[in-house]
Amino acid sequence: MRGTRMLRGMPIAVVVVVAVGCGGPTDARLRITGEVTFDGQPVVDGYVTLSPLGSGPSAGGRIQDGKFAIERDKGPMTGKYRVVLQAMRETGRMVPIDPALPNDTVAETVQYIPPCYNTRSQLTADLSPDNTHLVLELSSTIP
């Protein structure tokens, strides 16, 4: 008898575990879109990273022609995030790939977004289902 009671309860326990497991954290993720300008011009090519100030996954996406989109399956969850932006541009100079091979060169690129928007970024965004579009207007003139 005792064994029979245990078997009757097992299917219920399995169903409860499966039901709790359905709709995991990906359902709470958000699709984020945005626009990024630097000194009034669209950032042509760059990257945006959203790092949670609490718990949750980081998220990021490529900036192209001043716009970005982070799809829901890779997006952040509701909460407050640190926003980090990076963008490189060519200087017009050619530099050696390796000092030992001075004839093998590549176009030199530099990070042109100031550190206050990337390595020392203080930008934050409060993301929620009602706030999924960011407008980021960056300036070379640091306040």
Protein backbone atom coordinates (compact mmCIF):
# COMPACT_ATOMS: atom_id res chain seq x y z
CA MET A 1 0.00 0.00 0.00
CA ARG A 2 2.65 2.41 0.98
CA GLY A 3 4.39 1.91 -2.38
CA THR A 4 1.13 2.61 -4.18
CA ARG A 5 0.66 5.96 -2.45
CA MET A 6 4.16 7.01 -3.39
CA LEU A 7 3.57 6.15 -7.05
CA ARG A 8 0.29 8.07 -7.12
CA GLY A 9 2.05 11.21 -5.86
CA MET A 10 4.95 11.01 -8.29
CA PRO A 11 3.11 12.06 -11.46
CA ILE A 12 1.77 15.13 -9.63
CA ALA A 13 5.26 16.06 -8.44
CA VAL A 14 6.62 15.70 -11.98
CA VAL A 15 3.85 17.88 -13.39
CA VAL A 16 4.50 20.58 -10.78
CA VAL A 17 8.24 20.62 -11.55
CA VAL A 18 7.58 20.83 -15.28
CA ALA A 19 4.99 23.61 -14.84
CA VAL A 20 7.35 25.65 -12.67
CA GLY A 21 10.13 25.12 -15.23
CA CYS A 22 8.07 26.38 -18.17
CA GLY A 23 8.45 29.98 -19.25
CA GLY A 24 11.88 30.45 -17.71
CA PRO A 25 13.98 33.61 -17.70
CA THR A 26 13.87 34.12 -21.48
CA ASP A 27 10.18 35.13 -21.17
CA ALA A 28 11.24 38.02 -18.93
CA ARG A 29 13.79 39.32 -21.44
CA LEU A 30 13.12 42.48 -23.42
CA ARG A 31 13.73 43.45 -27.03
CA ILE A 32 15.68 46.72 -26.91
CA THR A 33 16.13 49.19 -29.76
CA GLY A 34 17.96 52.46 -29.85
CA GLU A 35 19.62 55.34 -31.60
CA VAL A 36 23.18 56.56 -30.94
CA THR A 37 24.67 59.85 -32.08
CA PHE A 38 28.06 61.42 -31.37
CA ASP A 39 28.30 65.20 -31.73
CA GLY A 40 24.98 65.13 -33.59
CA GLN A 41 26.04 62.50 -36.15
CA PRO A 42 24.91 58.86 -36.18
CA VAL A 43 27.55 56.42 -34.88
CA VAL A 44 28.32 54.54 -38.10
CA ASP A 45 29.70 51.35 -36.55
CA GLY A 46 30.01 50.47 -32.88
CA TYR A 47 28.76 48.35 -30.01
CA VAL A 48 26.43 48.91 -27.06
CA THR A 49 26.60 46.82 -23.89
CA LEU A 50 23.98 46.80 -21.12
CA SER A 51 25.35 45.52 -17.78
CA PRO A 52 22.88 45.00 -14.93
CA LEU A 53 23.34 47.08 -11.79
CA GLY A 54 21.50 44.30 -9.95
CA SER A 55 20.96 40.74 -11.03
CA GLY A 56 20.21 39.54 -14.53
CA PRO A 57 22.02 38.93 -17.79
CA SER A 58 24.17 41.44 -19.65
CA ALA A 59 23.14 42.17 -23.21
CA GLY A 60 24.67 43.88 -26.19
CA GLY A 61 24.33 44.64 -29.85
CA ARG A 62 26.03 46.19 -32.83
CA ILE A 63 25.38 49.81 -33.72
CA GLN A 64 25.01 50.36 -37.46
CA ASP A 65 24.25 53.73 -39.02
CA GLY A 66 23.22 55.12 -35.64
CA LYS A 67 20.74 52.35 -34.76
CA PHE A 68 20.84 49.12 -32.78
CA ALA A 69 18.51 46.30 -31.83
CA ILE A 70 18.98 43.60 -29.21
CA GLU A 71 16.55 40.78 -29.87
CA ARG A 72 14.44 39.46 -27.02
CA ASP A 73 16.14 36.04 -26.84
CA LYS A 74 19.46 37.80 -26.09
CA GLY A 75 18.00 40.90 -24.44
CA PRO A 76 18.16 42.20 -20.89
CA MET A 77 15.51 41.74 -18.24
CA THR A 78 13.57 44.54 -16.54
CA GLY A 79 15.88 46.58 -14.32
CA LYS A 80 18.57 49.25 -14.17
CA TYR A 81 21.60 48.88 -16.45
CA ARG A 82 24.95 50.55 -17.01
CA VAL A 83 25.24 51.55 -20.68
CA VAL A 84 28.67 51.18 -22.33
CA LEU A 85 29.33 52.38 -25.88
CA GLN A 86 32.31 51.72 -28.12
CA ALA A 87 33.09 52.86 -31.63
CA MET A 88 36.28 52.76 -33.66
CA ARG A 89 37.27 54.77 -36.71
CA GLU A 90 40.22 54.81 -39.03
CA THR A 91 42.87 57.50 -38.58
CA GLY A 92 44.06 57.42 -42.20
CA ARG A 93 47.44 55.97 -41.17
CA MET A 94 48.76 52.51 -41.96
CA VAL A 95 50.58 50.76 -39.12
CA PRO A 96 52.60 47.52 -38.98
CA ILE A 97 50.69 44.42 -37.90
CA ASP A 98 53.84 43.25 -36.10
CA PRO A 99 57.00 45.28 -35.37
CA ALA A 100 59.02 42.35 -36.74
CA LEU A 101 57.15 42.67 -40.07
CA PRO A 102 57.16 46.41 -40.88
CA ASN A 103 55.94 45.88 -44.47
CA ASP A 104 52.73 44.13 -43.37
CA THR A 105 50.38 46.96 -42.45
CA VAL A 106 46.74 47.57 -41.58
CA ALA A 107 44.64 50.69 -41.27
CA GLU A 108 45.06 52.20 -37.80
CA THR A 109 41.85 52.55 -35.82
CA VAL A 110 41.15 54.42 -32.60
CA GLN A 111 38.34 54.44 -30.07
CA TYR A 112 36.76 57.87 -30.55
CA ILE A 113 33.99 57.66 -27.98
CA PRO A 114 35.29 59.27 -24.75
CA PRO A 115 35.91 57.03 -21.70
CA CYS A 116 32.96 58.61 -19.86
CA TYR A 117 30.73 56.61 -22.23
CA ASN A 118 32.68 53.33 -22.13
CA THR A 119 35.47 52.37 -19.68
CA ARG A 120 34.21 54.92 -17.11
CA SER A 121 30.60 55.09 -18.22
CA GLN A 122 28.10 56.55 -15.79
CA LEU A 123 25.23 56.22 -18.29
CA THR A 124 22.31 54.18 -17.00
CA ALA A 125 18.99 53.03 -18.38
CA ASP A 126 15.89 51.79 -16.53
CA LEU A 127 14.51 49.11 -18.80
CA SER A 128 10.98 47.73 -18.62
CA PRO A 129 8.28 46.53 -21.03
CA ASP A 130 7.21 50.21 -21.26
CA ASN A 131 10.77 51.51 -21.82
CA THR A 132 12.54 49.53 -24.54
CA HIS A 133 13.84 52.28 -26.87
CA LEU A 134 16.97 54.24 -25.94
CA VAL A 135 18.07 57.53 -27.50
CA LEU A 136 21.74 58.09 -26.67
CA GLU A 137 23.11 61.50 -27.66
CA LEU A 138 26.85 61.53 -26.94
CA SER A 139 29.16 64.55 -27.07
CA SER A 140 32.90 65.09 -27.29
CA THR A 141 32.37 68.08 -25.00
CA ILE A 142 32.35 66.49 -21.57
CA PRO A 143 30.23 68.43 -19.05
